[in-house]
Amino acid sequence: YKYKIMLPKLTELKFISEYIHRFDEFFKTSVHQKTDFEIFLKKYNCNLQRDYCWNDFQKQELINSILLCRHIPPITVVEYLSNYYSSDKRNYDLSEEEFFKPKYQIIDGKQRLLTHEKFINNEFELEIDTEKYFFKDLPIDYQSRILSHNYSCRFLKYDYFGDVSDDDLVELFKWCNFAGTPQDNEYLTRFS
């Protein structure tokens, strides 16, 4: 499968902004801060995102990159604004189902964010000078750097959850995923 060069539609460029976002912002459990890492596409009857698949080397490299302040590519996020201006759903013309849709949809960066969370939850070890450490065993200054890491994020902002079609999400996904761990052909043909 070959990717063609894709740019967002000109009308979407005004919605794109880039800024720093704390890692833990994507893992809040408040109904108004929910993050969708899977992105189910009704049209294709499947998730936009593949399952978690990073190998040990990729996991180690992400944590090392955080500790060493190496460049990590931006996370690409669709953010919905109008559903979340306040916690009182009576202010909106939205159904309860619409109101409880996620605030964020991760288009690119799922593997990075989940790896970060898994390490903090002591689900894998980091090797430093032939010694292996779970997060809980690291010195406090290492833990602090990992916990407070900020990601550069590219946000595409829309008012309402329904403002982006399944096809728009697929195109955005392809636009973001021309590098990194290659998507296999079988996975990509689901969107054809």
Protein backbone atom coordinates (compact mmCIF):
# COMPACT_ATOMS: atom_id res chain seq x y z
CA TYR A 1 0.00 0.00 0.00
CA LYS A 2 1.49 3.34 -0.98
CA TYR A 3 0.51 6.57 0.67
CA LYS A 4 -0.17 9.60 -1.43
CA ILE A 5 0.73 12.95 0.03
CA MET A 6 -2.34 14.23 1.81
CA LEU A 7 -3.00 17.56 3.38
CA PRO A 8 -6.00 18.53 5.45
CA LYS A 9 -8.75 20.20 3.48
CA LEU A 10 -8.16 23.94 3.31
CA THR A 11 -11.28 24.52 5.36
CA GLU A 12 -9.75 22.40 8.15
CA LEU A 13 -6.46 24.28 8.39
CA LYS A 14 -8.06 26.95 10.56
CA PHE A 15 -8.91 24.26 13.11
CA ILE A 16 -5.33 23.02 13.57
CA SER A 17 -3.30 24.29 16.49
CA GLU A 18 -0.24 22.91 18.20
CA TYR A 19 0.60 23.23 21.86
CA ILE A 20 2.01 21.34 24.81
CA HIS A 21 -0.28 18.96 26.69
CA ARG A 22 0.49 17.05 29.86
CA PHE A 23 0.55 13.29 29.50
CA ASP A 24 -1.99 12.67 32.26
CA GLU A 25 -4.59 14.95 30.64
CA PHE A 26 -5.45 12.09 28.26
CA PHE A 27 -6.15 9.65 31.10
CA LYS A 28 -8.65 11.60 33.17
CA THR A 29 -11.81 9.71 34.02
CA SER A 30 -14.15 12.69 34.26
CA VAL A 31 -16.96 12.39 31.72
CA HIS A 32 -15.92 15.76 30.29
CA GLN A 33 -12.31 14.73 29.77
CA LYS A 34 -12.72 11.29 28.19
CA THR A 35 -10.21 10.16 25.59
CA ASP A 36 -11.05 7.67 22.84
CA PHE A 37 -7.99 5.64 21.85
CA GLU A 38 -9.87 3.16 19.63
CA ILE A 39 -12.20 5.37 17.53
CA PHE A 40 -14.91 2.99 16.34
CA LEU A 41 -15.97 3.73 12.76
CA LYS A 42 -19.60 2.76 12.18
CA LYS A 43 -19.23 2.97 8.40
CA TYR A 44 -16.46 0.34 8.37
CA ASN A 45 -17.60 -1.61 11.48
CA CYS A 46 -14.10 -1.54 12.99
CA ASN A 47 -11.78 0.60 15.09
CA LEU A 48 -9.61 3.18 13.39
CA GLN A 49 -6.76 2.35 15.75
CA ARG A 50 -5.05 -1.03 15.86
CA ASP A 51 -4.48 -2.84 19.14
CA TYR A 52 -1.51 -1.99 21.30
CA CYS A 53 1.47 -3.58 19.54
CA TRP A 54 4.76 -1.97 20.54
CA ASN A 55 7.68 -4.32 21.18
CA ASP A 56 10.16 -4.07 24.07
CA PHE A 57 12.66 -2.02 22.10
CA GLN A 58 10.05 0.60 21.14
CA LYS A 59 8.81 0.82 24.73
CA GLN A 60 12.36 1.29 26.05
CA GLU A 61 13.13 3.95 23.46
CA LEU A 62 10.08 6.02 24.36
CA ILE A 63 10.91 6.05 28.07
CA ASN A 64 14.58 6.77 27.30
CA SER A 65 13.49 9.62 25.02
CA ILE A 66 11.43 11.12 27.84
CA LEU A 67 14.32 10.81 30.31
CA LEU A 68 16.91 12.19 27.87
CA CYS A 69 14.62 14.94 26.48
CA ARG A 70 14.93 13.60 22.94
CA HIS A 71 12.45 14.68 20.28
CA ILE A 72 9.17 12.74 20.30
CA PRO A 73 6.82 13.40 17.36
CA PRO A 74 3.61 15.27 18.18
CA ILE A 75 0.42 13.50 19.17
CA THR A 76 -2.46 14.24 16.75
CA VAL A 77 -5.80 14.72 18.46
CA VAL A 78 -9.32 15.61 17.40
CA GLU A 79 -10.86 17.73 20.15
CA TYR A 80 -14.58 18.48 20.45
CA LEU A 81 -15.39 21.77 22.12
CA SER A 82 -19.11 22.51 22.33
CA ASN A 83 -20.08 19.38 24.23
CA TYR A 84 -17.81 20.35 27.10
CA TYR A 85 -18.21 24.05 27.84
CA SER A 86 -19.81 23.23 31.16
CA SER A 87 -20.93 20.19 33.07
CA ASP A 88 -24.62 21.07 32.78
CA LYS A 89 -25.97 19.23 29.76
CA ARG A 90 -29.18 21.27 29.92
CA ASN A 91 -27.24 24.08 28.25
CA TYR A 92 -27.09 22.12 25.01
CA ASP A 93 -29.30 20.84 22.33
CA LEU A 94 -27.62 17.44 22.64
CA SER A 95 -28.96 14.02 23.45
CA GLU A 96 -27.50 12.30 26.49
CA GLU A 97 -25.59 9.93 24.18
CA GLU A 98 -24.05 12.87 22.27
CA PHE A 99 -23.21 14.69 25.49
CA PHE A 100 -21.20 11.76 26.83
CA LYS A 101 -19.07 11.31 23.71
CA PRO A 102 -15.31 11.66 24.24
CA LYS A 103 -13.64 15.06 24.34
CA TYR A 104 -10.49 13.74 22.61
CA GLN A 105 -9.91 11.19 19.87
CA ILE A 106 -6.27 10.13 19.45
CA ILE A 107 -5.53 9.94 15.72
CA ASP A 108 -1.77 9.47 16.06
CA GLY A 109 0.07 8.69 19.29
CA LYS A 110 -1.92 5.87 20.87
CA GLN A 111 1.13 3.59 21.16
CA ARG A 112 3.21 6.36 22.79
CA LEU A 113 0.56 7.41 25.29
CA LEU A 114 -0.36 3.86 26.30
CA THR A 115 3.32 2.88 26.63
CA HIS A 116 3.87 5.86 28.91
CA GLU A 117 0.88 4.88 31.04
CA LYS A 118 1.92 1.19 31.12
CA PHE A 119 5.39 2.09 32.37
CA ILE A 120 4.00 4.31 35.14
CA ASN A 121 1.71 1.40 36.10
CA ASN A 122 4.77 -0.88 36.39
CA GLU A 123 3.71 -3.14 33.51
CA PHE A 124 7.21 -3.36 32.02
CA GLU A 125 10.80 -2.66 33.04
CA LEU A 126 13.31 -0.14 31.76
CA GLU A 127 16.88 -1.31 31.29
CA ILE A 128 19.57 1.16 32.40
CA ASP A 129 23.22 0.01 32.34
CA THR A 130 22.22 -3.69 32.32
CA GLU A 131 19.97 -3.21 35.38
CA LYS A 132 16.19 -3.42 35.02
CA TYR A 133 13.83 -1.07 36.81
CA PHE A 134 10.10 -0.78 37.12
CA PHE A 135 8.85 2.78 37.39
CA LYS A 136 8.38 2.40 41.16
CA ASP A 137 12.06 1.44 41.54
CA LEU A 138 13.50 4.46 39.72
CA PRO A 139 15.04 7.39 41.60
CA ILE A 140 12.51 10.07 42.42
CA ASP A 141 13.96 12.58 39.93
CA TYR A 142 13.51 10.03 37.11
CA GLN A 143 9.95 9.32 38.24
CA SER A 144 9.23 13.03 38.38
CA ARG A 145 10.47 13.63 34.83
CA ILE A 146 8.37 10.75 33.50
CA LEU A 147 5.24 11.80 35.39
CA SER A 148 5.45 15.43 34.35
CA HIS A 149 6.34 14.86 30.70
CA ASN A 150 4.51 17.14 28.27
CA TYR A 151 3.79 16.05 24.70
CA SER A 152 3.69 18.38 21.78
CA CYS A 153 0.18 17.89 20.43
CA ARG A 154 -1.45 18.84 17.16
CA PHE A 155 -5.12 19.51 17.87
CA LEU A 156 -7.86 19.63 15.26
CA LYS A 157 -10.72 21.38 16.98
CA TYR A 158 -14.36 20.89 16.09
CA ASP A 159 -17.51 22.05 17.80
CA TYR A 160 -19.51 18.83 17.89
CA PHE A 161 -18.73 15.13 17.87
CA GLY A 162 -20.62 14.58 14.60
CA ASP A 163 -18.70 17.30 12.73
CA VAL A 164 -16.08 14.79 11.55
CA SER A 165 -17.16 11.86 9.36
CA ASP A 166 -15.65 8.38 9.46
CA ASP A 167 -14.05 9.08 6.09
CA ASP A 168 -12.52 12.32 7.43
CA LEU A 169 -11.05 10.40 10.38
CA VAL A 170 -9.57 7.75 8.05
CA GLU A 171 -7.99 10.42 5.82
CA LEU A 172 -6.54 12.17 8.84
CA PHE A 173 -5.20 8.85 10.14
CA LYS A 174 -3.49 8.15 6.81
CA TRP A 175 -2.11 11.68 6.73
CA CYS A 176 -0.50 11.18 10.16
CA ASN A 177 0.69 7.59 9.78
CA PHE A 178 3.12 7.66 6.89
CA ALA A 179 6.04 6.97 9.28
CA GLY A 180 6.60 4.99 12.51
CA THR A 181 5.64 1.34 12.85
CA PRO A 182 4.21 0.48 9.41
CA GLN A 183 0.56 -0.45 9.19
CA ASP A 184 0.19 -3.83 7.52
CA ASN A 185 -1.73 -4.03 4.25
CA GLU A 186 -4.50 -6.17 5.72
CA TYR A 187 -5.12 -3.51 8.37
CA LEU A 188 -5.21 -0.67 5.84
CA THR A 189 -7.51 -2.41 3.35
CA ARG A 190 -10.33 -2.26 5.90
CA PHE A 191 -10.75 1.39 4.95
CA SER A 192 -10.93 0.86 1.19
